[in-house]
Amino acid sequence: MVNKSTLCGNGGRCIIRFGHDLGLYAKFTTFEAVDGMHKGRILDSGKVSLQMSNTAKPKSFDENKFELNTGSPHLVIFCDRHPESIKDAGAKIRYSPEYTVQGINVNFVLEGEKVIDVATYERGVEDETYSCGTGVTAAALALSTKMEKFGDIKTDVETKGGSLSVTFRREVDGSYSDIWLTGPATMVFKGSIDI
């Protein structure tokens, strides 16, 4: 029996870029991941957008703590400053009795005037990663719940790995649709091997 993993948002964007660079399509594509079908597109700016699966309303523990699944399970914690060690703080939650079996990714989010700053501890990696696409998506959706925003929303996000944005629609019933994760994806290495 094969254990299936969960979606990697930034990995999905890289697949879209790779297929485009191979000449498989000009701007638009569709592919199936473990959580279902996804659309992808190359924008005129060169950035890559991945349509995320629609997600259920976040489970709210309080106004600063939300749990939701954006292709991978996430806990979003809004805080005044990032923990000194994302690895230690994230592992403490990930291995708590509530999450130890399935695990959970933990996102620590700082709110700015125009952008949020997200630091993520990822299960499986068991450490901080420089950028997590499903994590920044979870943070953007949780922020709209926290701020009680509805309609068409765009959230700009900073991570140690760079800048991303998340656009989506939030209905008055709290549901989400048309969720897109956007950011750069660039080929950094190309090689060949003789066999």
Protein backbone atom coordinates (compact mmCIF):
# COMPACT_ATOMS: atom_id res chain seq x y z
CA MET A 1 0.00 0.00 0.00
CA VAL A 2 1.31 3.45 -0.95
CA ASN A 3 0.77 6.35 1.43
CA LYS A 4 -0.24 9.50 -0.42
CA SER A 5 1.14 12.82 0.66
CA THR A 6 -0.66 16.15 0.43
CA LEU A 7 -0.43 19.07 -2.00
CA CYS A 8 2.66 21.26 -2.26
CA GLY A 9 1.47 24.67 -3.52
CA ASN A 10 4.85 26.05 -4.53
CA GLY A 11 5.76 22.67 -6.01
CA GLY A 12 2.60 22.85 -8.12
CA ARG A 13 3.61 26.28 -9.40
CA CYS A 14 7.07 24.91 -10.29
CA ILE A 15 5.46 22.05 -12.25
CA ILE A 16 3.41 24.61 -14.19
CA ARG A 17 6.57 26.58 -15.03
CA PHE A 18 8.47 23.40 -15.98
CA GLY A 19 5.74 22.23 -18.37
CA HIS A 20 5.62 25.69 -19.94
CA ASP A 21 9.40 25.79 -20.33
CA LEU A 22 9.26 22.38 -22.05
CA GLY A 23 6.79 23.86 -24.55
CA LEU A 24 3.86 21.70 -23.48
CA TYR A 25 1.50 24.70 -23.38
CA ALA A 26 1.64 28.46 -23.86
CA LYS A 27 -0.17 29.95 -20.86
CA PHE A 28 -2.80 27.63 -19.42
CA THR A 29 -2.82 24.04 -18.18
CA THR A 30 -4.70 21.65 -15.94
CA PHE A 31 -3.31 18.82 -13.85
CA GLU A 32 -4.46 16.40 -11.19
CA ALA A 33 -2.88 16.33 -7.73
CA VAL A 34 -3.69 14.26 -4.67
CA ASP A 35 -6.41 16.75 -3.66
CA GLY A 36 -8.06 16.95 -7.11
CA MET A 37 -7.83 18.94 -10.32
CA HIS A 38 -5.93 22.22 -10.51
CA LYS A 39 -5.66 24.94 -13.13
CA GLY A 40 -2.38 26.68 -13.79
CA ARG A 41 -1.43 29.76 -15.75
CA ILE A 42 1.61 31.78 -16.74
CA LEU A 43 0.87 35.50 -16.33
CA ASP A 44 2.14 38.20 -18.68
CA SER A 45 4.49 39.28 -15.87
CA GLY A 46 6.08 35.81 -15.97
CA LYS A 47 4.70 34.90 -12.55
CA VAL A 48 2.97 31.55 -12.12
CA SER A 49 -0.53 31.06 -10.69
CA LEU A 50 -1.96 27.84 -9.30
CA GLN A 51 -5.67 27.49 -8.58
CA MET A 52 -6.03 25.90 -5.17
CA SER A 53 -8.86 23.58 -4.18
CA ASN A 54 -11.80 25.32 -2.55
CA THR A 55 -11.52 24.87 1.19
CA ALA A 56 -13.99 24.69 4.04
CA LYS A 57 -14.33 27.51 6.54
CA PRO A 58 -11.47 27.60 9.06
CA LYS A 59 -11.98 26.12 12.49
CA SER A 60 -11.45 29.05 14.85
CA PHE A 61 -10.00 28.51 18.32
CA ASP A 62 -9.94 32.25 19.03
CA GLU A 63 -9.38 35.43 16.98
CA ASN A 64 -5.69 34.60 16.50
CA LYS A 65 -5.69 30.83 15.90
CA PHE A 66 -7.29 29.00 12.96
CA GLU A 67 -7.12 25.47 11.57
CA LEU A 68 -7.85 24.72 7.91
CA ASN A 69 -6.87 22.50 5.01
CA THR A 70 -5.67 24.09 1.77
CA GLY A 71 -4.48 20.84 0.21
CA SER A 72 -2.38 20.22 3.33
CA PRO A 73 -3.48 20.67 6.96
CA HIS A 74 -2.46 23.97 8.55
CA LEU A 75 -2.67 25.77 11.86
CA VAL A 76 -2.43 29.56 11.46
CA ILE A 77 -1.35 31.61 14.48
CA PHE A 78 -1.38 35.41 14.33
CA CYS A 79 1.30 36.86 16.60
CA ASP A 80 3.09 40.12 17.41
CA ARG A 81 6.49 38.65 16.51
CA HIS A 82 7.79 35.38 15.17
CA PRO A 83 9.06 32.88 17.74
CA GLU A 84 12.83 32.92 18.22
CA SER A 85 12.93 29.38 16.83
CA ILE A 86 10.22 28.47 14.31
CA LYS A 87 11.46 24.87 14.47
CA ASP A 88 11.08 24.56 18.24
CA ALA A 89 7.75 26.41 18.46
CA GLY A 90 6.30 24.54 15.47
CA ALA A 91 7.49 21.12 16.64
CA LYS A 92 5.92 21.67 20.06
CA ILE A 93 2.51 22.09 18.38
CA ARG A 94 3.02 19.48 15.64
CA TYR A 95 3.92 16.80 18.21
CA SER A 96 1.27 17.80 20.74
CA PRO A 97 -1.30 15.05 21.53
CA GLU A 98 -3.87 16.71 19.25
CA TYR A 99 -1.68 16.56 16.13
CA THR A 100 1.01 13.94 16.69
CA VAL A 101 -0.59 11.17 14.58
CA GLN A 102 -1.44 13.03 11.35
CA GLY A 103 0.78 16.03 11.94
CA ILE A 104 0.04 19.62 11.01
CA ASN A 105 1.94 22.50 9.42
CA VAL A 106 2.20 25.52 11.70
CA ASN A 107 2.22 29.08 10.33
CA PHE A 108 3.23 32.07 12.43
CA VAL A 109 1.79 35.23 10.87
CA LEU A 110 2.64 38.90 11.41
CA GLU A 111 0.05 41.38 10.15
CA GLY A 112 1.29 44.49 8.35
CA GLU A 113 -0.65 47.37 6.83
CA LYS A 114 -0.48 45.97 3.28
CA VAL A 115 1.27 42.62 3.58
CA ILE A 116 1.50 39.68 5.96
CA ASP A 117 4.75 37.96 6.91
CA VAL A 118 4.50 34.18 7.24
CA ALA A 119 7.00 31.74 8.78
CA THR A 120 6.11 28.05 8.47
CA TYR A 121 7.08 24.86 10.24
CA GLU A 122 6.33 21.96 7.87
CA ARG A 123 5.53 18.43 8.96
CA GLY A 124 7.55 15.84 7.06
CA VAL A 125 10.42 18.32 6.78
CA GLU A 126 10.12 18.73 10.57
CA ASP A 127 11.71 22.16 10.38
CA GLU A 128 11.10 25.69 9.14
CA THR A 129 10.93 26.02 5.37
CA TYR A 130 11.60 29.26 3.49
CA SER A 131 8.18 29.33 1.85
CA CYS A 132 5.07 27.17 1.95
CA GLY A 133 2.41 27.78 -0.72
CA THR A 134 -0.43 25.98 1.04
CA GLY A 135 0.66 27.74 4.24
CA VAL A 136 0.51 31.28 2.86
CA THR A 137 -2.85 30.39 1.30
CA ALA A 138 -4.10 29.20 4.69
CA ALA A 139 -2.80 32.41 6.30
CA ALA A 140 -4.56 34.63 3.73
CA LEU A 141 -7.87 32.79 4.13
CA ALA A 142 -7.61 32.87 7.93
CA LEU A 143 -6.88 36.61 7.82
CA SER A 144 -10.10 37.25 5.88
CA THR A 145 -11.99 35.32 8.57
CA LYS A 146 -10.23 37.21 11.36
CA MET A 147 -10.91 40.60 9.70
CA GLU A 148 -14.44 39.56 8.59
CA LYS A 149 -13.73 40.53 4.97
CA PHE A 150 -15.97 39.39 2.12
CA GLY A 151 -15.97 39.63 -1.68
CA ASP A 152 -12.91 39.54 -3.93
CA ILE A 153 -9.75 39.69 -1.83
CA LYS A 154 -6.03 39.88 -2.59
CA THR A 155 -3.43 39.30 0.13
CA ASP A 156 0.26 39.97 -0.43
CA VAL A 157 2.60 37.73 1.54
CA GLU A 158 6.29 37.85 2.45
CA THR A 159 8.24 34.72 3.38
CA LYS A 160 11.97 34.08 3.79
CA GLY A 161 11.85 32.58 0.29
CA GLY A 162 10.26 35.62 -1.36
CA SER A 163 6.98 37.32 -2.18
CA LEU A 164 3.70 35.61 -3.03
CA SER A 165 0.08 36.69 -3.33
CA VAL A 166 -3.21 34.93 -2.76
CA THR A 167 -6.45 36.00 -4.44
CA PHE A 168 -9.85 34.51 -3.68
CA ARG A 169 -13.52 35.20 -3.12
CA ARG A 170 -15.09 34.91 0.31
CA GLU A 171 -18.87 34.63 0.46
CA VAL A 172 -21.07 35.94 3.26
CA ASP A 173 -21.54 32.36 4.49
CA GLY A 174 -17.77 32.21 5.08
CA SER A 175 -16.99 29.84 2.19
CA TYR A 176 -14.13 30.41 -0.27
CA SER A 177 -13.89 30.03 -4.03
CA ASP A 178 -11.59 30.90 -6.95
CA ILE A 179 -8.44 30.66 -4.78
CA TRP A 180 -5.19 31.41 -6.66
CA LEU A 181 -1.61 31.27 -5.34
CA THR A 182 0.74 33.46 -7.41
CA GLY A 183 4.46 34.11 -7.40
CA PRO A 184 7.70 33.67 -9.31
CA ALA A 185 9.06 30.30 -10.43
CA THR A 186 12.38 30.24 -12.26
CA MET A 187 14.47 27.42 -13.65
CA VAL A 188 17.75 27.42 -11.71
CA PHE A 189 19.47 24.40 -13.23
CA LYS A 190 19.42 22.46 -16.46
CA GLY A 191 21.61 19.49 -17.31
CA SER A 192 21.93 16.29 -19.29
CA ILE A 193 23.49 12.92 -18.69
CA ASP A 194 24.87 10.36 -21.12
CA ILE A 195 23.80 6.78 -20.41
